[in-house]
Amino acid sequence: MARALAVTILMADDDVDDRDLTRDALRKNQLNGELRWVEDGEELLDYLNHRGRYSDPKVSPRPGLILLDLNMPRMDGREALREIKADPELRRIPIIVLSTSSADEDVVRSYDLGANCFITKPVTFERLVEVVKVLGEYWLQTATLPLASPT
């Protein structure tokens, strides 16, 4: 059973096709999540800290989950992950690394930096749909997410 409220899923990925395919996989699985995206680590941090074009919290609601690519321009996912997990206001947001990399060093480093999960991007849409289904079942239906900062 899905949660009553939609969870904001923030995807940080510079590849338009990957973002579109992920959106389509969420829709195909009828998951109760609202997908928003940014194109690099700097934009991700601007979104999370409500800076620049993301200064209005209505435009940039706090995500319940972040899907993070490692290889992006300006600031890559590793640096963004390090900064997010070092920030007491942001570190509770679960971060799933979704990368084309399957290198052991990327997996280990991502977990060392505080990633909650590491998934190598599937190469087919059918497999992406399966992966998104499992992610949705766990992160959006089973797990309790820290959707808001404690007061």
Foldseek 3Di string as FASTA:
>chain_A
DFDPAAFEEEEAAQDPVVLVLLVVLCVVLVFRYHYDYDHALVVVVCLQVLHDPNVDCVNRPQGLEYEAEQDGPPHGRLVSLLVQCVDPQRNQRAYEYEYCDPDPVVVVSSVVSPHPYYDYHDPDSVVSSVVSNVCRCPSGPPDDTPRHDDD
